[in-house]
N, C-alpha and C. Protein backbone atom coordinates (compact mmCIF):
# COMPACT_ATOMS: atom_id res chain seq x y z
N MET A 1 102.26 138.93 84.80
CA MET A 1 102.89 138.17 85.86
C MET A 1 101.81 137.62 86.81
N LYS A 2 101.94 136.35 87.14
CA LYS A 2 100.97 135.72 88.04
C LYS A 2 101.19 136.19 89.47
N THR A 3 100.09 136.31 90.19
CA THR A 3 100.18 136.68 91.60
C THR A 3 100.64 135.47 92.41
N LYS A 4 101.05 135.74 93.64
CA LYS A 4 101.46 134.68 94.56
C LYS A 4 100.32 133.67 94.73
N ILE A 5 99.12 134.16 94.88
CA ILE A 5 97.97 133.27 95.07
C ILE A 5 97.76 132.39 93.84
N GLU A 6 97.89 132.95 92.65
CA GLU A 6 97.71 132.15 91.44
C GLU A 6 98.81 131.11 91.30
N LEU A 7 100.04 131.46 91.61
CA LEU A 7 101.14 130.50 91.52
C LEU A 7 100.93 129.34 92.50
N ILE A 8 100.54 129.66 93.71
CA ILE A 8 100.30 128.62 94.71
C ILE A 8 99.07 127.80 94.33
N SER A 9 98.04 128.44 93.85
CA SER A 9 96.82 127.75 93.42
C SER A 9 97.12 126.74 92.32
N GLU A 10 97.97 127.14 91.40
CA GLU A 10 98.35 126.23 90.32
C GLU A 10 99.05 124.99 90.87
N GLN A 11 99.94 125.19 91.83
CA GLN A 11 100.64 124.05 92.44
C GLN A 11 99.69 123.17 93.24
N ILE A 12 98.75 123.79 93.93
CA ILE A 12 97.75 123.03 94.68
C ILE A 12 96.95 122.15 93.72
N HIS A 13 96.56 122.71 92.59
CA HIS A 13 95.80 121.95 91.60
C HIS A 13 96.63 120.78 91.07
N GLU A 14 97.88 121.01 90.75
CA GLU A 14 98.75 119.94 90.24
C GLU A 14 98.88 118.82 91.28
N MET A 15 99.05 119.19 92.53
CA MET A 15 99.17 118.21 93.60
C MET A 15 97.87 117.43 93.74
N TRP A 16 96.73 118.13 93.70
CA TRP A 16 95.44 117.46 93.80
C TRP A 16 95.24 116.49 92.65
N MET A 17 95.60 116.90 91.43
CA MET A 17 95.43 116.01 90.27
C MET A 17 96.22 114.72 90.43
N ARG A 18 97.46 114.83 90.90
CA ARG A 18 98.27 113.62 91.12
C ARG A 18 97.59 112.71 92.14
N TRP A 19 97.11 113.30 93.24
CA TRP A 19 96.42 112.53 94.27
C TRP A 19 95.16 111.88 93.71
N ALA A 20 94.33 112.66 93.01
CA ALA A 20 93.07 112.16 92.49
C ALA A 20 93.27 111.05 91.47
N LYS A 21 94.26 111.18 90.61
CA LYS A 21 94.52 110.13 89.62
C LYS A 21 94.94 108.84 90.31
N ASN A 22 95.72 108.95 91.37
CA ASN A 22 96.09 107.75 92.13
C ASN A 22 94.87 107.14 92.82
N ILE A 23 94.02 107.98 93.37
CA ILE A 23 92.80 107.50 94.02
C ILE A 23 91.93 106.74 93.01
N LEU A 24 91.79 107.26 91.82
CA LEU A 24 90.97 106.59 90.80
C LEU A 24 91.53 105.22 90.45
N LYS A 25 92.85 105.07 90.49
CA LYS A 25 93.47 103.78 90.19
C LYS A 25 93.28 102.79 91.33
N GLU A 26 93.32 103.29 92.57
CA GLU A 26 93.36 102.40 93.73
C GLU A 26 92.01 102.11 94.36
N GLU A 27 91.11 103.08 94.34
CA GLU A 27 89.83 102.92 95.03
C GLU A 27 88.78 102.30 94.11
N THR A 28 88.05 101.38 94.65
CA THR A 28 87.02 100.71 93.85
C THR A 28 85.62 101.25 94.14
N ASN A 29 85.49 102.06 95.18
CA ASN A 29 84.16 102.52 95.58
C ASN A 29 83.85 103.96 95.17
N ILE A 30 84.59 104.51 94.22
CA ILE A 30 84.30 105.85 93.72
C ILE A 30 83.28 105.70 92.58
N SER A 31 82.24 106.46 92.64
CA SER A 31 81.17 106.34 91.64
C SER A 31 81.68 106.71 90.25
N GLU A 32 81.07 106.10 89.27
CA GLU A 32 81.41 106.41 87.88
C GLU A 32 81.11 107.87 87.57
N GLU A 33 80.05 108.41 88.17
CA GLU A 33 79.70 109.82 87.97
C GLU A 33 80.84 110.73 88.44
N ARG A 34 81.36 110.45 89.64
CA ARG A 34 82.47 111.26 90.16
C ARG A 34 83.71 111.12 89.29
N LYS A 35 84.02 109.90 88.89
CA LYS A 35 85.19 109.69 88.02
C LYS A 35 85.08 110.52 86.76
N GLN A 36 83.92 110.46 86.11
CA GLN A 36 83.74 111.19 84.86
C GLN A 36 83.77 112.70 85.07
N ARG A 37 83.24 113.16 86.20
CA ARG A 37 83.26 114.59 86.50
C ARG A 37 84.70 115.06 86.70
N TRP A 38 85.48 114.29 87.45
CA TRP A 38 86.88 114.65 87.66
C TRP A 38 87.62 114.70 86.33
N ILE A 39 87.42 113.66 85.51
CA ILE A 39 88.12 113.60 84.23
C ILE A 39 87.72 114.78 83.34
N LYS A 40 86.42 115.04 83.27
CA LYS A 40 85.93 116.10 82.38
C LYS A 40 86.25 117.51 82.89
N ASP A 41 86.05 117.74 84.18
CA ASP A 41 86.12 119.10 84.72
C ASP A 41 87.42 119.45 85.43
N CYS A 42 88.15 118.45 85.89
CA CYS A 42 89.27 118.75 86.78
C CYS A 42 90.64 118.32 86.28
N PHE A 43 90.70 117.28 85.48
CA PHE A 43 91.99 116.79 85.02
C PHE A 43 92.44 117.56 83.79
N LYS A 44 92.81 118.80 84.05
CA LYS A 44 93.28 119.70 83.00
C LYS A 44 94.19 120.74 83.65
N PRO A 45 94.98 121.43 82.87
CA PRO A 45 95.85 122.46 83.45
C PRO A 45 95.04 123.51 84.20
N TYR A 46 95.65 124.11 85.21
CA TYR A 46 94.98 125.12 86.03
C TYR A 46 94.36 126.21 85.16
N GLU A 47 95.08 126.68 84.16
CA GLU A 47 94.59 127.76 83.31
C GLU A 47 93.30 127.39 82.58
N ALA A 48 93.08 126.11 82.35
CA ALA A 48 91.91 125.65 81.60
C ALA A 48 90.71 125.36 82.50
N LEU A 49 90.88 125.47 83.80
CA LEU A 49 89.77 125.21 84.72
C LEU A 49 88.72 126.31 84.64
N SER A 50 87.52 125.98 85.04
CA SER A 50 86.47 127.00 85.16
C SER A 50 86.86 127.94 86.30
N GLU A 51 86.30 129.12 86.31
CA GLU A 51 86.57 130.06 87.41
C GLU A 51 86.14 129.47 88.75
N GLU A 52 85.06 128.73 88.75
CA GLU A 52 84.59 128.10 89.99
C GLU A 52 85.62 127.12 90.53
N MET A 53 86.20 126.31 89.66
CA MET A 53 87.22 125.35 90.10
C MET A 53 88.50 126.07 90.52
N LYS A 54 88.90 127.10 89.78
CA LYS A 54 90.08 127.87 90.17
C LYS A 54 89.88 128.48 91.55
N GLN A 55 88.67 128.96 91.82
CA GLN A 55 88.41 129.61 93.11
C GLN A 55 88.57 128.64 94.27
N LEU A 56 88.23 127.38 94.07
CA LEU A 56 88.45 126.38 95.13
C LEU A 56 89.94 126.29 95.46
N ASP A 57 90.79 126.27 94.43
CA ASP A 57 92.24 126.24 94.65
C ASP A 57 92.72 127.54 95.29
N ARG A 58 92.19 128.66 94.84
CA ARG A 58 92.58 129.96 95.42
C ARG A 58 92.21 130.02 96.89
N ASP A 59 91.00 129.57 97.23
CA ASP A 59 90.58 129.59 98.63
C ASP A 59 91.52 128.78 99.50
N PHE A 60 91.94 127.62 99.00
CA PHE A 60 92.87 126.79 99.75
C PHE A 60 94.23 127.48 99.86
N ALA A 61 94.69 128.11 98.78
CA ALA A 61 95.96 128.83 98.80
C ALA A 61 95.92 129.96 99.82
N ILE A 62 94.84 130.71 99.83
CA ILE A 62 94.70 131.83 100.78
C ILE A 62 94.74 131.30 102.21
N LYS A 63 94.08 130.19 102.45
CA LYS A 63 94.07 129.60 103.78
C LYS A 63 95.49 129.18 104.20
N MET A 64 96.22 128.56 103.29
CA MET A 64 97.59 128.12 103.60
C MET A 64 98.51 129.32 103.84
N ILE A 65 98.38 130.34 103.03
CA ILE A 65 99.20 131.55 103.21
C ILE A 65 98.91 132.16 104.58
N SER A 66 97.64 132.23 104.94
CA SER A 66 97.25 132.78 106.24
C SER A 66 97.85 131.98 107.38
N ILE A 67 97.80 130.66 107.28
CA ILE A 67 98.37 129.80 108.32
C ILE A 67 99.87 130.06 108.46
N ILE A 68 100.56 130.11 107.33
CA ILE A 68 102.01 130.33 107.35
C ILE A 68 102.34 131.70 107.92
N GLU A 69 101.63 132.72 107.49
CA GLU A 69 101.91 134.07 107.97
C GLU A 69 101.61 134.20 109.47
N ASN A 70 100.54 133.60 109.93
CA ASN A 70 100.21 133.65 111.35
C ASN A 70 101.21 132.85 112.18
N LYS A 71 101.69 131.76 111.66
CA LYS A 71 102.69 130.94 112.34
C LYS A 71 103.98 131.73 112.53
N ASN A 72 104.34 132.51 111.52
CA ASN A 72 105.58 133.29 111.59
C ASN A 72 105.50 134.44 112.58
N GLU A 73 104.30 134.82 112.96
CA GLU A 73 104.14 135.92 113.91
C GLU A 73 104.36 135.48 115.35
N HIS A 74 104.27 134.19 115.62
CA HIS A 74 104.39 133.70 116.99
C HIS A 74 105.75 133.17 117.32
C-alpha cells in the first residue's frame, strides 16, 4: 500500500507533467537541452522516475502536507 506522501507525490508529478507539456507547446524560449531532459527524464509515470526525481515530488508533498496541517491548527 502506498503511503500518503507517495500518493500525493504521484499526483504532484502528474500535475507537473501536464503543466510542463503545455509549456513546451506554448513557450518558444525553452532550450532544446531542457526540452530533451524533460522528455527523457521526467515525462514518464511516477513509478518510473529516478529516486532523485521522486524525491523532488516527495519534498513538495511534505511541504504541502505541513502547510495544510499547520493551517488546520489555527
